[in-house]
Amino acid sequence: MDYDQLDFETLWELLKQNDEQALVQVLIRFDSLIKSKSRVNGRINEDIAQDIREAFVKALKKKIRE
């Protein structure tokens, strides 16, 4: 399956089935936003970016369980 060609609705359904590749694809698609929100003094702070990724994954998994 070519995950980078899937629409978000399909990825969401795959996430509900605990598809790890779907999760990776969602993170890839949100990477620019994550990096933009983790800038400090014009540079990407990787610790902040990782914290955002972890919070994002946690929120996705919580939403899937609802």
Protein backbone atom coordinates (compact mmCIF):
# COMPACT_ATOMS: atom_id res chain seq x y z
CA MET A 1 0.00 0.00 0.00
CA ASP A 2 1.32 3.45 -0.93
CA TYR A 3 0.55 5.42 2.24
CA ASP A 4 1.70 8.77 0.89
CA GLN A 5 -1.08 8.58 -1.73
CA LEU A 6 -3.87 7.97 0.79
CA ASP A 7 -6.28 10.69 1.83
CA PHE A 8 -6.54 11.60 5.49
CA GLU A 9 -9.90 9.87 5.93
CA THR A 10 -8.37 6.57 4.82
CA LEU A 11 -5.36 7.12 7.07
CA TRP A 12 -7.73 7.75 9.97
CA GLU A 13 -9.50 4.45 9.37
CA LEU A 14 -6.13 2.69 9.27
CA LEU A 15 -5.11 4.42 12.50
CA LYS A 16 -8.20 2.97 14.13
CA GLN A 17 -6.85 -0.46 13.15
CA ASN A 18 -3.49 0.33 14.83
CA ASP A 19 -1.67 0.57 11.52
CA GLU A 20 1.80 1.90 12.41
CA GLN A 21 2.57 2.96 8.84
CA ALA A 22 -0.54 5.15 8.86
CA LEU A 23 0.73 6.81 12.04
CA VAL A 24 4.11 7.41 10.44
CA GLN A 25 2.41 8.96 7.41
CA VAL A 26 0.30 11.29 9.57
CA LEU A 27 3.44 12.41 11.41
CA ILE A 28 5.19 13.05 8.09
CA ARG A 29 2.27 15.14 6.89
CA PHE A 30 2.29 17.24 10.05
CA ASP A 31 6.07 17.53 10.27
CA SER A 32 6.24 21.06 8.80
CA LEU A 33 3.68 22.33 11.29
CA ILE A 34 5.43 20.60 14.17
CA LYS A 35 8.76 22.11 13.18
CA SER A 36 7.24 25.58 12.76
CA LYS A 37 5.83 25.40 16.28
CA SER A 38 9.14 24.24 17.75
CA ARG A 39 11.24 27.18 16.63
CA VAL A 40 13.21 29.09 19.24
CA ASN A 41 15.18 32.15 18.10
CA GLY A 42 14.61 31.13 14.48
CA ARG A 43 15.95 27.59 14.89
CA ILE A 44 14.12 24.31 15.32
CA ASN A 45 14.53 22.96 18.82
CA GLU A 46 14.45 19.18 18.35
CA ASP A 47 13.56 18.55 22.00
CA ILE A 48 10.46 20.71 21.62
CA ALA A 49 9.64 19.09 18.27
CA GLN A 50 9.85 15.65 19.86
CA ASP A 51 7.65 16.74 22.76
CA ILE A 52 5.07 18.01 20.26
CA ARG A 53 5.21 14.74 18.30
CA GLU A 54 4.70 12.72 21.48
CA ALA A 55 1.76 14.88 22.56
CA PHE A 56 0.28 14.64 19.05
CA VAL A 57 0.52 10.84 19.00
CA LYS A 58 -0.98 10.65 22.49
CA ALA A 59 -3.88 12.89 21.42
CA LEU A 60 -4.48 10.83 18.26
CA LYS A 61 -4.58 7.60 20.22
CA LYS A 62 -6.96 9.12 22.77
CA LYS A 63 -9.27 10.32 20.00
CA ILE A 64 -9.22 6.88 18.36
CA ARG A 65 -10.36 5.23 21.61
CA GLU A 66 -13.38 7.55 21.88
